[in-house]
Amino acid sequence: MFRMILKVLPMAAALTFASLALPVAAQQSNTAVPPQAQVQSPATSMPPSGTSPQVADDAAAPASSATAINPLKPDTTPHELSPWSMFLSADIIVKLVMVGLAFASLVTWTIFIAKMVELSLARRNLGAALTQISESRSLAEAQMALGDKNSVLASLLAAAMREARLSAGISSDAGIKERAASSFAEIVRAESRRIRLGMGLLATIGATSPFVGLFGTVWGIMNSFIGISKAQTTNLAVVAPGIAEALLATALGLVAAIPAVIIYNYFARVTRGYIEQVSRASGASGRLLSRDLDRTHVGSVGGAHSRAAE
C-alpha cells in the first residue's frame, strides 16, 4: 500500500505542478502579445494539440505584429493620372470649367471650318465676277455678263442702276456719283460685317479662355490644400493627383485659347484681302456708272447739234 502511494505521489505532484504552470504561462503570453493580436478567431487563437503554449505564442507573434503594422501603413497604390481619370475625379466646379473650355474649343474649330469655306467661296466668286465685267462698257452689259449670280458685285451694279434711274432728268453728274458712292459704301460695310461674323467670338474665346482655366486651377488647388489639411499629411502621392487635376484646367484653357488667337489673326488677314476685293468691285461699278453718265451727255449733245444743223 505504501509502495503504491509512493508510486502515485510523483505523478500527482507532476500534474499539480503542470496545472499551476499553465495559468502563469497564459498570463505571460497575454502580456507579451499586442492588443491587436488578441482579437482573433477561435481557430487561430487555440494552439494545436501537442503544441506547448510558448510555441503557439511564438508562431502567432509575426501575424500579430503584421496585423498591428498594416493599418498604419500608408496607401502607396499608384493613382492613374490620365486626362479622363483626372476629369472624373475632379471637383464639380473644375468639371464645369473643363466642359466649358472643351465646348469653346469645339466652337473655335467649327468657326474655322465654316469661315474657311465661306471666305474661299466668296473670294473665288468675286474674283471671277470681276474678270467677267472687266470688258463691259456699261452697267447693262455688266449685269448681262454676270447673269443671275447673287454676289456683292451684283448688288453694287444694281445700286448703280437704281441711282441712275432715280436721278433721271437731273443734270448734276457729281450729285449722282456722290449718291451712288454712298450706296456703295453701305453695301461694302454690310458685306464687311457679314464676312466678319463669328470673328468676335474667336476673339472672346482667345482672350478669356486662359483666365477661365486659371480659375479652375485655383479652385482645384484650393480643394487640394483643404484635403491635405484633413488628411494631415504632405505625402506627394496624396498631394499630386489633386494638383494635377487642377492644372488640367489650365491646360484646357490654353488648348482653347491658342488656336482661337491664331485662327482669329489668320481670318483678320484674309478678311482684309476680301474687303479690298469688294472695294475694287465698288470702284468698277462706279466707273461703269460714270461711263454711262458721260455717254448720256455725249448723246444728248450730239442730238442737240444735229437738230441745230437741221
C-alpha atoms as a PDB file:
ATOM      1  CA  MET A   1       0.000   0.000   0.000  1.00  0.00           C
ATOM      2  CA  PHE A   2       2.734   2.426   0.933  1.00  0.00           C
ATOM      3  CA  ARG A   3       4.645   1.445  -2.152  1.00  0.00           C
ATOM      4  CA  MET A   4       1.614   2.242  -4.313  1.00  0.00           C
ATOM      5  CA  ILE A   5       1.302   5.648  -2.639  1.00  0.00           C
ATOM      6  CA  LEU A   6       4.969   6.312  -3.315  1.00  0.00           C
ATOM      7  CA  LYS A   7       4.457   5.420  -6.969  1.00  0.00           C
ATOM      8  CA  VAL A   8       1.364   7.647  -7.372  1.00  0.00           C
ATOM      9  CA  LEU A   9       2.738  10.634  -5.434  1.00  0.00           C
ATOM     10  CA  PRO A  10       5.285  11.729  -8.080  1.00  0.00           C
ATOM     11  CA  MET A  11       2.585  11.558 -10.746  1.00  0.00           C
ATOM     12  CA  ALA A  12       0.201  13.648  -8.631  1.00  0.00           C
ATOM     13  CA  ALA A  13       2.937  16.195  -7.937  1.00  0.00           C
ATOM     14  CA  ALA A  14       3.713  16.447 -11.640  1.00  0.00           C
ATOM     15  CA  LEU A  15       0.049  17.014 -12.502  1.00  0.00           C
ATOM     16  CA  THR A  16      -0.288  19.637  -9.784  1.00  0.00           C
ATOM     17  CA  PHE A  17       2.802  21.483 -10.993  1.00  0.00           C
ATOM     18  CA  ALA A  18       1.511  21.433 -14.580  1.00  0.00           C
ATOM     19  CA  SER A  19      -1.861  22.800 -13.502  1.00  0.00           C
ATOM     20  CA  LEU A  20      -0.149  25.662 -11.671  1.00  0.00           C
ATOM     21  CA  ALA A  21       2.238  26.429 -14.542  1.00  0.00           C
ATOM     22  CA  LEU A  22      -0.415  26.730 -17.253  1.00  0.00           C
ATOM     23  CA  PRO A  23      -2.132  29.920 -15.885  1.00  0.00           C
ATOM     24  CA  VAL A  24       1.225  31.617 -15.406  1.00  0.00           C
ATOM     25  CA  ALA A  25       2.281  30.871 -18.994  1.00  0.00           C
ATOM     26  CA  ALA A  26      -1.061  32.088 -20.316  1.00  0.00           C
ATOM     27  CA  GLN A  27      -0.743  35.321 -18.338  1.00  0.00           C
ATOM     28  CA  GLN A  28       2.781  35.903 -19.674  1.00  0.00           C
ATOM     29  CA  SER A  29       1.650  35.297 -23.249  1.00  0.00           C
ATOM     30  CA  ASN A  30      -1.261  37.729 -22.838  1.00  0.00           C
ATOM     31  CA  THR A  31       1.113  40.393 -21.541  1.00  0.00           C
ATOM     32  CA  ALA A  32       3.614  39.981 -24.424  1.00  0.00           C
ATOM     33  CA  VAL A  33       1.124  39.952 -27.302  1.00  0.00           C
ATOM     34  CA  PRO A  34      -0.107  43.393 -28.541  1.00  0.00           C
ATOM     35  CA  PRO A  35      -3.790  44.189 -28.245  1.00  0.00           C
ATOM     36  CA  GLN A  36      -4.311  43.749 -31.996  1.00  0.00           C
ATOM     37  CA  ALA A  37      -3.183  40.118 -31.740  1.00  0.00           C
ATOM     38  CA  GLN A  38      -5.758  39.260 -29.044  1.00  0.00           C
ATOM     39  CA  VAL A  39      -8.717  39.899 -31.365  1.00  0.00           C
ATOM     40  CA  GLN A  40      -8.552  36.700 -33.361  1.00  0.00           C
ATOM     41  CA  SER A  41     -10.869  33.949 -34.317  1.00  0.00           C
ATOM     42  CA  PRO A  42     -11.006  30.905 -32.027  1.00  0.00           C
ATOM     43  CA  ALA A  43      -9.467  28.755 -34.733  1.00  0.00           C
ATOM     44  CA  THR A  44      -6.316  30.844 -34.857  1.00  0.00           C
ATOM     45  CA  SER A  45      -6.036  31.590 -31.133  1.00  0.00           C
ATOM     46  CA  MET A  46      -6.209  27.994 -29.963  1.00  0.00           C
ATOM     47  CA  PRO A  47      -2.871  26.198 -30.161  1.00  0.00           C
ATOM     48  CA  PRO A  48      -2.898  22.866 -31.951  1.00  0.00           C
ATOM     49  CA  SER A  49      -2.895  19.712 -29.927  1.00  0.00           C
ATOM     50  CA  GLY A  50       0.530  18.554 -28.893  1.00  0.00           C
ATOM     51  CA  THR A  51       1.955  22.099 -29.025  1.00  0.00           C
ATOM     52  CA  SER A  52       3.096  23.957 -25.979  1.00  0.00           C
ATOM     53  CA  PRO A  53       1.682  27.404 -25.234  1.00  0.00           C
ATOM     54  CA  GLN A  54       5.073  29.048 -25.737  1.00  0.00           C
ATOM     55  CA  VAL A  55       5.404  27.601 -29.265  1.00  0.00           C
ATOM     56  CA  ALA A  56       1.888  28.756 -30.101  1.00  0.00           C
ATOM     57  CA  ASP A  57       2.700  32.252 -28.883  1.00  0.00           C
ATOM     58  CA  ASP A  58       5.897  32.335 -30.970  1.00  0.00           C
ATOM     59  CA  ALA A  59       4.001  31.237 -34.073  1.00  0.00           C
ATOM     60  CA  ALA A  60       1.308  33.865 -33.585  1.00  0.00           C
ATOM     61  CA  ALA A  61       3.755  36.716 -32.934  1.00  0.00           C
ATOM     62  CA  PRO A  62       4.636  37.509 -36.613  1.00  0.00           C
ATOM     63  CA  ALA A  63       0.987  37.505 -37.644  1.00  0.00           C
ATOM     64  CA  SER A  64       0.009  39.760 -34.772  1.00  0.00           C
ATOM     65  CA  SER A  65       2.833  42.217 -35.491  1.00  0.00           C
ATOM     66  CA  ALA A  66       1.878  42.300 -39.163  1.00  0.00           C
ATOM     67  CA  THR A  67      -1.721  42.952 -38.224  1.00  0.00           C
ATOM     68  CA  ALA A  68      -0.628  45.768 -35.947  1.00  0.00           C
ATOM     69  CA  ILE A  69       1.524  47.435 -38.643  1.00  0.00           C
ATOM     70  CA  ASN A  70      -0.713  47.107 -41.743  1.00  0.00           C
ATOM     71  CA  PRO A  71      -3.448  49.524 -40.644  1.00  0.00           C
ATOM     72  CA  LEU A  72      -0.840  52.206 -40.057  1.00  0.00           C
ATOM     73  CA  LYS A  73       0.911  51.653 -43.392  1.00  0.00           C
ATOM     74  CA  PRO A  74       0.128  54.482 -45.885  1.00  0.00           C
ATOM     75  CA  ASP A  75      -1.616  53.626 -49.137  1.00  0.00           C
ATOM     76  CA  THR A  76       1.079  53.590 -51.789  1.00  0.00           C
ATOM     77  CA  THR A  77      -1.158  52.347 -54.608  1.00  0.00           C
ATOM     78  CA  PRO A  78      -0.285  54.446 -57.688  1.00  0.00           C
ATOM     79  CA  HIS A  79      -3.081  56.714 -58.955  1.00  0.00           C
ATOM     80  CA  GLU A  80      -3.982  56.702 -62.647  1.00  0.00           C
ATOM     81  CA  LEU A  81      -3.235  60.198 -63.940  1.00  0.00           C
ATOM     82  CA  SER A  82      -4.721  60.002 -67.426  1.00  0.00           C
ATOM     83  CA  PRO A  83      -6.689  63.103 -68.524  1.00  0.00           C
ATOM     84  CA  TRP A  84     -10.012  61.234 -68.424  1.00  0.00           C
ATOM     85  CA  SER A  85      -9.438  59.822 -64.930  1.00  0.00           C
ATOM     86  CA  MET A  86      -8.341  63.248 -63.675  1.00  0.00           C
ATOM     87  CA  PHE A  87     -11.511  64.767 -65.130  1.00  0.00           C
ATOM     88  CA  LEU A  88     -13.714  62.170 -63.444  1.00  0.00           C
ATOM     89  CA  SER A  89     -12.071  62.659 -60.054  1.00  0.00           C
ATOM     90  CA  ALA A  90     -12.060  66.481 -60.215  1.00  0.00           C
ATOM     91  CA  ASP A  91     -14.346  68.769 -58.254  1.00  0.00           C
ATOM     92  CA  ILE A  92     -17.727  69.695 -59.796  1.00  0.00           C
ATOM     93  CA  ILE A  93     -16.650  73.318 -60.354  1.00  0.00           C
ATOM     94  CA  VAL A  94     -13.464  72.204 -62.095  1.00  0.00           C
ATOM     95  CA  LYS A  95     -15.509  69.776 -64.190  1.00  0.00           C
ATOM     96  CA  LEU A  96     -17.795  72.598 -65.311  1.00  0.00           C
ATOM     97  CA  VAL A  97     -14.780  74.714 -66.230  1.00  0.00           C
ATOM     98  CA  MET A  98     -13.278  71.858 -68.243  1.00  0.00           C
ATOM     99  CA  VAL A  99     -16.554  71.168 -70.061  1.00  0.00           C
ATOM    100  CA  GLY A 100     -16.922  74.867 -70.883  1.00  0.00           C
ATOM    101  CA  LEU A 101     -13.384  75.062 -72.243  1.00  0.00           C
ATOM    102  CA  ALA A 102     -13.888  71.919 -74.309  1.00  0.00           C
ATOM    103  CA  PHE A 103     -17.071  73.427 -75.760  1.00  0.00           C
ATOM    104  CA  ALA A 104     -15.213  76.672 -76.530  1.00  0.00           C
ATOM    105  CA  SER A 105     -12.542  74.689 -78.362  1.00  0.00           C
ATOM    106  CA  LEU A 106     -15.256  72.903 -80.362  1.00  0.00           C
ATOM    107  CA  VAL A 107     -16.810  76.267 -81.282  1.00  0.00           C
ATOM    108  CA  THR A 108     -13.400  77.562 -82.381  1.00  0.00           C
ATOM    109  CA  TRP A 109     -12.782  74.718 -84.803  1.00  0.00           C
ATOM    110  CA  THR A 110     -16.374  74.875 -86.085  1.00  0.00           C
ATOM    111  CA  ILE A 111     -15.955  78.577 -86.881  1.00  0.00           C
ATOM    112  CA  PHE A 112     -12.606  77.846 -88.508  1.00  0.00           C
ATOM    113  CA  ILE A 113     -14.074  75.271 -90.890  1.00  0.00           C
ATOM    114  CA  ALA A 114     -17.178  77.342 -91.683  1.00  0.00           C
ATOM    115  CA  LYS A 115     -15.290  80.609 -92.265  1.00  0.00           C
ATOM    116  CA  MET A 116     -12.617  78.880 -94.306  1.00  0.00           C
ATOM    117  CA  VAL A 117     -15.253  77.538 -96.713  1.00  0.00           C
ATOM    118  CA  GLU A 118     -17.175  80.836 -96.758  1.00  0.00           C
ATOM    119  CA  LEU A 119     -14.134  83.028 -97.407  1.00  0.00           C
ATOM    120  CA  SER A 120     -12.730  80.709-100.057  1.00  0.00           C
ATOM    121  CA  LEU A 121     -16.019  80.678-101.995  1.00  0.00           C
ATOM    122  CA  ALA A 122     -16.547  84.445-101.601  1.00  0.00           C
ATOM    123  CA  ARG A 123     -13.070  85.359-102.825  1.00  0.00           C
ATOM    124  CA  ARG A 124     -13.236  82.968-105.747  1.00  0.00           C
ATOM    125  CA  ASN A 125     -16.706  84.097-106.837  1.00  0.00           C
ATOM    126  CA  LEU A 126     -15.887  87.782-106.557  1.00  0.00           C
ATOM    127  CA  GLY A 127     -12.632  87.354-108.453  1.00  0.00           C
ATOM    128  CA  ALA A 128     -14.453  85.520-111.260  1.00  0.00           C
ATOM    129  CA  ALA A 129     -17.150  88.228-111.371  1.00  0.00           C
ATOM    130  CA  LEU A 130     -14.583  90.994-111.643  1.00  0.00           C
ATOM    131  CA  THR A 131     -12.966  89.136-114.523  1.00  0.00           C
ATOM    132  CA  GLN A 132     -16.325  88.777-116.270  1.00  0.00           C
ATOM    133  CA  ILE A 133     -17.137  92.513-116.194  1.00  0.00           C
ATOM    134  CA  SER A 134     -13.612  93.693-116.947  1.00  0.00           C
ATOM    135  CA  GLU A 135     -14.512  94.175-120.651  1.00  0.00           C
ATOM    136  CA  SER A 136     -18.002  95.565-120.088  1.00  0.00           C
ATOM    137  CA  ARG A 137     -18.671  99.091-121.385  1.00  0.00           C
ATOM    138  CA  SER A 138     -21.841  99.852-119.426  1.00  0.00           C
ATOM    139  CA  LEU A 139     -23.830  98.815-116.406  1.00  0.00           C
ATOM    140  CA  ALA A 140     -26.279  96.910-118.578  1.00  0.00           C
ATOM    141  CA  GLU A 141     -23.502  94.878-120.218  1.00  0.00           C
ATOM    142  CA  ALA A 142     -22.001  94.127-116.815  1.00  0.00           C
ATOM    143  CA  GLN A 143     -25.325  92.850-115.493  1.00  0.00           C
ATOM    144  CA  MET A 144     -25.773  90.679-118.576  1.00  0.00           C
ATOM    145  CA  ALA A 145     -22.259  89.282-118.109  1.00  0.00           C
ATOM    146  CA  LEU A 146     -22.955  88.338-114.501  1.00  0.00           C
ATOM    147  CA  GLY A 147     -26.345  86.797-115.211  1.00  0.00           C
ATOM    148  CA  ASP A 148     -28.354  85.690-112.192  1.00  0.00           C
ATOM    149  CA  LYS A 149     -25.381  85.248-109.853  1.00  0.00           C
ATOM    150  CA  ASN A 150     -26.059  86.528-106.347  1.00  0.00           C
ATOM    151  CA  SER A 151     -22.877  88.297-105.283  1.00  0.00           C
ATOM    152  CA  VAL A 152     -21.782  91.575-103.786  1.00  0.00           C
ATOM    153  CA  LEU A 153     -20.804  92.835-107.250  1.00  0.00           C
ATOM    154  CA  ALA A 154     -24.330  92.215-108.495  1.00  0.00           C
ATOM    155  CA  SER A 155     -25.625  94.270-105.542  1.00  0.00           C
ATOM    156  CA  LEU A 156     -23.247  97.115-106.407  1.00  0.00           C
ATOM    157  CA  LEU A 157     -24.324  97.140-110.056  1.00  0.00           C
ATOM    158  CA  ALA A 158     -27.987  97.061-109.046  1.00  0.00           C
ATOM    159  CA  ALA A 159     -27.438 100.036-106.696  1.00  0.00           C
ATOM    160  CA  ALA A 160     -25.738 101.993-109.504  1.00  0.00           C
ATOM    161  CA  MET A 161     -28.584 101.246-111.940  1.00  0.00           C
ATOM    162  CA  ARG A 162     -31.187 102.222-109.373  1.00  0.00           C
ATOM    163  CA  GLU A 163     -29.486 105.528-108.637  1.00  0.00           C
ATOM    164  CA  ALA A 164     -29.176 106.305-112.346  1.00  0.00           C
ATOM    165  CA  ARG A 165     -32.862 105.567-112.863  1.00  0.00           C
ATOM    166  CA  LEU A 166     -33.975 107.618-109.849  1.00  0.00           C
ATOM    167  CA  SER A 167     -31.769 110.536-110.918  1.00  0.00           C
ATOM    168  CA  ALA A 168     -33.138 110.681-114.445  1.00  0.00           C
ATOM    169  CA  GLY A 169     -33.624 114.286-115.543  1.00  0.00           C
ATOM    170  CA  ILE A 170     -31.026 115.652-113.121  1.00  0.00           C
ATOM    171  CA  SER A 171     -28.172 117.345-114.913  1.00  0.00           C
ATOM    172  CA  SER A 172     -25.714 117.204-111.989  1.00  0.00           C
ATOM    173  CA  ASP A 173     -23.432 114.200-112.525  1.00  0.00           C
ATOM    174  CA  ALA A 174     -21.494 114.965-109.333  1.00  0.00           C
ATOM    175  CA  GLY A 175     -24.622 114.558-107.245  1.00  0.00           C
ATOM    176  CA  ILE A 176     -25.461 111.227-108.932  1.00  0.00           C
ATOM    177  CA  LYS A 177     -21.964 109.891-108.361  1.00  0.00           C
ATOM    178  CA  GLU A 178     -21.979 111.053-104.741  1.00  0.00           C
ATOM    179  CA  ARG A 179     -25.286 109.317-104.014  1.00  0.00           C
ATOM    180  CA  ALA A 180     -24.095 106.180-105.773  1.00  0.00           C
ATOM    181  CA  ALA A 181     -20.843 106.236-103.762  1.00  0.00           C
ATOM    182  CA  SER A 182     -22.902 106.478-100.558  1.00  0.00           C
ATOM    183  CA  SER A 183     -24.903 103.408-101.592  1.00  0.00           C
ATOM    184  CA  PHE A 184     -21.667 101.585-102.452  1.00  0.00           C
ATOM    185  CA  ALA A 185     -20.224 102.395 -99.025  1.00  0.00           C
ATOM    186  CA  GLU A 186     -23.293 100.975 -97.294  1.00  0.00           C
ATOM    187  CA  ILE A 187     -23.038  97.749 -99.312  1.00  0.00           C
ATOM    188  CA  VAL A 188     -19.317  97.436 -98.545  1.00  0.00           C
ATOM    189  CA  ARG A 189     -19.918  97.936 -94.816  1.00  0.00           C
ATOM    190  CA  ALA A 190     -22.716  95.388 -94.814  1.00  0.00           C
ATOM    191  CA  GLU A 191     -20.514  92.862 -96.613  1.00  0.00           C
ATOM    192  CA  SER A 192     -17.683  93.561 -94.169  1.00  0.00           C
ATOM    193  CA  ARG A 193     -19.986  92.878 -91.212  1.00  0.00           C
ATOM    194  CA  ARG A 194     -21.261  89.703 -92.834  1.00  0.00           C
ATOM    195  CA  ILE A 195     -17.829  88.314 -93.606  1.00  0.00           C
ATOM    196  CA  ARG A 196     -16.562  89.100 -90.086  1.00  0.00           C
ATOM    197  CA  LEU A 197     -19.437  87.258 -88.437  1.00  0.00           C
ATOM    198  CA  GLY A 198     -18.024  84.849 -85.841  1.00  0.00           C
ATOM    199  CA  MET A 199     -14.646  86.529 -85.504  1.00  0.00           C
ATOM    200  CA  GLY A 200     -15.771  88.385 -82.393  1.00  0.00           C
ATOM    201  CA  LEU A 201     -16.487  85.033 -80.765  1.00  0.00           C
ATOM    202  CA  LEU A 202     -12.988  83.846 -81.672  1.00  0.00           C
ATOM    203  CA  ALA A 203     -11.515  86.962 -80.077  1.00  0.00           C
ATOM    204  CA  THR A 204     -13.575  86.409 -76.923  1.00  0.00           C
ATOM    205  CA  ILE A 205     -12.506  82.770 -76.630  1.00  0.00           C
ATOM    206  CA  GLY A 206      -8.859  83.624 -77.205  1.00  0.00           C
ATOM    207  CA  ALA A 207      -8.904  86.383 -74.592  1.00  0.00           C
ATOM    208  CA  THR A 208     -10.906  84.725 -71.811  1.00  0.00           C
ATOM    209  CA  SER A 209     -10.067  81.002 -72.024  1.00  0.00           C
ATOM    210  CA  PRO A 210      -6.715  81.268 -70.156  1.00  0.00           C
ATOM    211  CA  PHE A 211      -8.381  83.116 -67.288  1.00  0.00           C
ATOM    212  CA  VAL A 212     -11.260  80.629 -67.128  1.00  0.00           C
ATOM    213  CA  GLY A 213      -8.728  77.790 -66.982  1.00  0.00           C
ATOM    214  CA  LEU A 214      -6.799  79.655 -64.295  1.00  0.00           C
ATOM    215  CA  PHE A 215      -9.986  79.958 -62.245  1.00  0.00           C
ATOM    216  CA  GLY A 216     -10.447  76.182 -62.447  1.00  0.00           C
ATOM    217  CA  THR A 217      -6.820  75.675 -61.411  1.00  0.00           C
ATOM    218  CA  VAL A 218      -7.118  77.977 -58.410  1.00  0.00           C
ATOM    219  CA  TRP A 219     -10.321  76.272 -57.309  1.00  0.00           C
ATOM    220  CA  GLY A 220      -8.809  72.798 -57.676  1.00  0.00           C
ATOM    221  CA  ILE A 221      -5.620  73.674 -55.800  1.00  0.00           C
ATOM    222  CA  MET A 222      -7.685  75.241 -53.025  1.00  0.00           C
ATOM    223  CA  ASN A 223      -9.625  71.992 -52.669  1.00  0.00           C
ATOM    224  CA  SER A 224      -6.348  70.052 -52.726  1.00  0.00           C
ATOM    225  CA  PHE A 225      -4.969  72.065 -49.821  1.00  0.00           C
ATOM    226  CA  ILE A 226      -8.191  71.526 -47.904  1.00  0.00           C
ATOM    227  CA  GLY A 227      -7.820  67.778 -48.487  1.00  0.00           C
ATOM    228  CA  ILE A 228      -4.202  67.898 -47.330  1.00  0.00           C
ATOM    229  CA  SER A 229      -5.204  69.619 -44.112  1.00  0.00           C
ATOM    230  CA  LYS A 230      -7.878  66.989 -43.456  1.00  0.00           C
ATOM    231  CA  ALA A 231      -5.516  64.101 -44.216  1.00  0.00           C
ATOM    232  CA  GLN A 232      -2.754  65.728 -42.117  1.00  0.00           C
ATOM    233  CA  THR A 233      -0.070  64.512 -44.498  1.00  0.00           C
ATOM    234  CA  THR A 234       2.184  66.069 -47.115  1.00  0.00           C
ATOM    235  CA  ASN A 235       2.964  62.840 -48.904  1.00  0.00           C
ATOM    236  CA  LEU A 236       3.479  63.522 -52.612  1.00  0.00           C
ATOM    237  CA  ALA A 237       1.332  60.542 -53.553  1.00  0.00           C
ATOM    238  CA  VAL A 238      -1.578  62.210 -51.758  1.00  0.00           C
ATOM    239  CA  VAL A 239      -0.925  65.765 -52.957  1.00  0.00           C
ATOM    240  CA  ALA A 240      -0.023  65.141 -56.618  1.00  0.00           C
ATOM    241  CA  PRO A 241      -3.385  63.889 -58.020  1.00  0.00           C
ATOM    242  CA  GLY A 242      -5.375  66.902 -56.817  1.00  0.00           C
ATOM    243  CA  ILE A 243      -2.822  69.388 -58.133  1.00  0.00           C
ATOM    244  CA  ALA A 244      -2.618  67.534 -61.463  1.00  0.00           C
ATOM    245  CA  GLU A 245      -6.412  67.693 -61.811  1.00  0.00           C
ATOM    246  CA  ALA A 246      -6.305  71.432 -61.150  1.00  0.00           C
ATOM    247  CA  LEU A 247      -3.534  72.049 -63.674  1.00  0.00           C
ATOM    248  CA  LEU A 248      -5.542  70.157 -66.296  1.00  0.00           C
ATOM    249  CA  ALA A 249      -7.990  73.084 -66.321  1.00  0.00           C
ATOM    250  CA  THR A 250      -5.164  75.487 -67.204  1.00  0.00           C
ATOM    251  CA  ALA A 251      -4.010  73.144 -69.956  1.00  0.00           C
ATOM    252  CA  LEU A 252      -7.515  73.042 -71.433  1.00  0.00           C
ATOM    253  CA  GLY A 253      -7.686  76.840 -71.241  1.00  0.00           C
ATOM    254  CA  LEU A 254      -4.501  77.116 -73.296  1.00  0.00           C
ATOM    255  CA  VAL A 255      -5.739  74.456 -75.716  1.00  0.00           C
ATOM    256  CA  ALA A 256      -8.861  76.545 -76.307  1.00  0.00           C
ATOM    257  CA  ALA A 257      -7.136  79.954 -76.384  1.00  0.00           C
ATOM    258  CA  ILE A 258      -4.063  79.378 -78.566  1.00  0.00           C
ATOM    259  CA  PRO A 259      -5.908  78.048 -81.662  1.00  0.00           C
ATOM    260  CA  ALA A 260      -8.573  80.768 -81.264  1.00  0.00           C
ATOM    261  CA  VAL A 261      -5.941  83.537 -81.340  1.00  0.00           C
ATOM    262  CA  ILE A 262      -4.093  82.013 -84.302  1.00  0.00           C
ATOM    263  CA  ILE A 263      -7.314  81.462 -86.277  1.00  0.00           C
ATOM    264  CA  TYR A 264      -8.523  84.982 -85.490  1.00  0.00           C
ATOM    265  CA  ASN A 265      -5.292  86.550 -86.767  1.00  0.00           C
ATOM    266  CA  TYR A 266      -5.419  84.414 -89.907  1.00  0.00           C
ATOM    267  CA  PHE A 267      -9.005  85.372 -90.682  1.00  0.00           C
ATOM    268  CA  ALA A 268      -8.253  89.029 -89.971  1.00  0.00           C
ATOM    269  CA  ARG A 269      -5.647  88.983 -92.777  1.00  0.00           C
ATOM    270  CA  VAL A 270      -7.888  87.048 -95.169  1.00  0.00           C
ATOM    271  CA  THR A 271     -10.853  89.292 -94.421  1.00  0.00           C
ATOM    272  CA  ARG A 272      -8.835  92.424 -95.134  1.00  0.00           C
ATOM    273  CA  GLY A 273      -7.881  90.962 -98.508  1.00  0.00           C
ATOM    274  CA  TYR A 274     -11.520  90.182 -99.285  1.00  0.00           C
ATOM    275  CA  ILE A 275     -12.686  93.680 -98.268  1.00  0.00           C
ATOM    276  CA  GLU A 276     -10.070  95.142-100.614  1.00  0.00           C
ATOM    277  CA  GLN A 277     -11.544  92.966-103.341  1.00  0.00           C
ATOM    278  CA  VAL A 278     -15.011  94.319-102.526  1.00  0.00           C
ATOM    279  CA  SER A 279     -13.614  97.858-102.722  1.00  0.00           C
ATOM    280  CA  ARG A 280     -12.289  97.048-106.183  1.00  0.00           C
ATOM    281  CA  ALA A 281     -15.771  95.876-107.176  1.00  0.00           C
ATOM    282  CA  SER A 282     -17.205  99.124-105.818  1.00  0.00           C
ATOM    283  CA  GLY A 283     -14.715 101.119-107.872  1.00  0.00           C
ATOM    284  CA  ALA A 284     -15.541  99.108-111.002  1.00  0.00           C
ATOM    285  CA  SER A 285     -19.257  99.786-110.527  1.00  0.00           C
ATOM    286  CA  GLY A 286     -18.571 103.498-110.039  1.00  0.00           C
ATOM    287  CA  ARG A 287     -16.528 103.650-113.245  1.00  0.00           C
ATOM    288  CA  LEU A 288     -19.289 101.941-115.235  1.00  0.00           C
ATOM    289  CA  LEU A 289     -21.829 104.425-113.851  1.00  0.00           C
ATOM    290  CA  SER A 290     -19.553 107.323-114.788  1.00  0.00           C
ATOM    291  CA  ARG A 291     -19.227 105.998-118.363  1.00  0.00           C
ATOM    292  CA  ASP A 292     -22.985 105.706-118.674  1.00  0.00           C
ATOM    293  CA  LEU A 293     -23.467 109.274-117.468  1.00  0.00           C
ATOM    294  CA  ASP A 294     -20.841 110.616-119.831  1.00  0.00           C
ATOM    295  CA  ARG A 295     -22.268 108.622-122.694  1.00  0.00           C
ATOM    296  CA  THR A 296     -25.710 110.059-121.951  1.00  0.00           C
ATOM    297  CA  HIS A 297     -24.370 113.618-122.080  1.00  0.00           C
ATOM    298  CA  VAL A 298     -22.494 112.925-125.279  1.00  0.00           C
ATOM    299  CA  GLY A 299     -25.630 111.521-126.839  1.00  0.00           C
ATOM    300  CA  SER A 300     -27.720 114.484-125.750  1.00  0.00           C
ATOM    301  CA  VAL A 301     -25.134 116.954-127.050  1.00  0.00           C
ATOM    302  CA  GLY A 302     -24.900 115.118-130.374  1.00  0.00           C
ATOM    303  CA  GLY A 303     -28.682 115.162-130.725  1.00  0.00           C
ATOM    304  CA  ALA A 304     -28.796 118.865-129.981  1.00  0.00           C
ATOM    305  CA  HIS A 305     -26.134 119.564-132.629  1.00  0.00           C
ATOM    306  CA  SER A 306     -27.952 117.519-135.229  1.00  0.00           C
ATOM    307  CA  ARG A 307     -31.206 119.317-134.531  1.00  0.00           C
ATOM    308  CA  ALA A 308     -29.417 122.669-134.780  1.00  0.00           C
ATOM    309  CA  ALA A 309     -27.891 121.678-138.142  1.00  0.00           C
ATOM    310  CA  GLU A 310     -31.317 120.770-139.486  1.00  0.00           C
END
